[in-house]
Amino acid sequence: MHIAVTFKTFIMKKLLTIMFVASLALAATSCKKDYTCECTVGGQTISAPIANASKGDAEDACTSIETTYKVASATATCTLK
């Protein structure tokens, strides 16, 4: 009986360790997808695709695009979609 309990405890500890490592690996990966930076420049709407990026990287890219368009038109605005 004691051997069976010890074996079950061993299996449960290994299973919990594997589940913990798997959940940590899943949480450590960032979700990357495609975004669109939609800008209004001089009354025209321009869409710039941002492929395979995390949300933070896409926001940074869209801000950079907005800065570039503001050179042509001070009222240029961009939003991430």
Protein backbone atom coordinates (compact mmCIF):
# COMPACT_ATOMS: atom_id res chain seq x y z
CA MET A 1 0.00 0.00 0.00
CA HIS A 2 2.78 2.44 0.92
CA ILE A 3 4.52 1.89 -2.43
CA ALA A 4 1.31 2.66 -4.35
CA VAL A 5 0.79 5.92 -2.44
CA THR A 6 4.41 6.95 -2.98
CA PHE A 7 4.14 6.17 -6.68
CA LYS A 8 0.91 8.18 -7.03
CA THR A 9 2.52 11.11 -5.21
CA PHE A 10 5.54 10.89 -7.51
CA ILE A 11 3.30 10.88 -10.61
CA MET A 12 1.23 13.83 -9.33
CA LYS A 13 4.37 15.88 -8.61
CA LYS A 14 5.72 15.18 -12.09
CA LEU A 15 2.36 16.02 -13.65
CA LEU A 16 2.14 19.30 -11.73
CA THR A 17 5.70 20.20 -12.74
CA ILE A 18 4.96 19.53 -16.41
CA MET A 19 1.74 21.54 -16.24
CA PHE A 20 3.56 24.45 -14.56
CA VAL A 21 6.33 24.50 -17.17
CA ALA A 22 3.80 24.30 -20.03
CA SER A 23 1.72 27.16 -18.63
CA LEU A 24 4.85 29.27 -18.09
CA ALA A 25 5.95 28.67 -21.68
CA LEU A 26 2.50 29.62 -22.95
CA ALA A 27 2.43 32.80 -20.87
CA ALA A 28 5.92 33.81 -21.98
CA THR A 29 5.05 33.86 -25.67
CA SER A 30 3.55 37.03 -27.05
CA CYS A 31 0.49 36.97 -29.23
CA LYS A 32 1.45 38.23 -32.66
CA LYS A 33 -1.07 39.07 -35.33
CA ASP A 34 -1.71 41.46 -38.18
CA TYR A 35 -2.80 45.04 -37.49
CA THR A 36 -3.75 48.04 -39.59
CA CYS A 37 -2.67 51.59 -38.87
CA GLU A 38 -5.45 53.81 -40.21
CA CYS A 39 -4.40 57.40 -40.80
CA THR A 40 -6.30 60.51 -41.81
CA VAL A 41 -4.06 62.92 -43.69
CA GLY A 42 -5.47 66.03 -45.33
CA GLY A 43 -8.99 64.59 -45.36
CA GLN A 44 -7.90 61.29 -46.93
CA THR A 45 -7.82 57.96 -45.14
CA ILE A 46 -4.73 55.85 -45.62
CA SER A 47 -4.31 52.30 -44.28
CA ALA A 48 -0.89 50.86 -43.53
CA PRO A 49 -0.69 47.13 -42.79
CA ILE A 50 1.49 45.98 -39.89
CA ALA A 51 2.07 42.24 -40.20
CA ASN A 52 2.90 39.67 -37.52
CA ALA A 53 3.47 42.09 -34.64
CA SER A 54 2.67 42.17 -30.95
CA LYS A 55 0.25 44.89 -29.90
CA GLY A 56 3.01 47.00 -28.35
CA ASP A 57 5.17 46.78 -31.47
CA ALA A 58 2.19 47.62 -33.67
CA GLU A 59 1.36 50.66 -31.51
CA ASP A 60 4.97 51.84 -31.79
CA ALA A 61 4.92 51.37 -35.57
CA CYS A 62 1.63 53.25 -35.90
CA THR A 63 2.98 56.13 -33.82
CA SER A 64 6.03 56.23 -36.09
CA ILE A 65 3.79 56.29 -39.17
CA GLU A 66 1.76 59.13 -37.65
CA THR A 67 4.95 61.11 -37.00
CA THR A 68 5.96 60.67 -40.63
CA TYR A 69 2.56 61.86 -41.91
CA LYS A 70 2.64 64.88 -39.57
CA VAL A 71 5.56 66.21 -41.63
CA ALA A 72 3.15 66.58 -44.56
CA SER A 73 0.12 67.63 -42.51
CA ALA A 74 0.22 68.82 -38.91
CA THR A 75 -3.34 67.54 -38.39
CA ALA A 76 -2.54 63.95 -39.43
CA THR A 77 -3.87 61.34 -37.00
CA CYS A 78 -3.45 57.58 -36.91
CA THR A 79 -5.22 54.85 -34.98
CA LEU A 80 -4.37 51.18 -34.64
CA LYS A 81 -7.05 48.76 -35.78
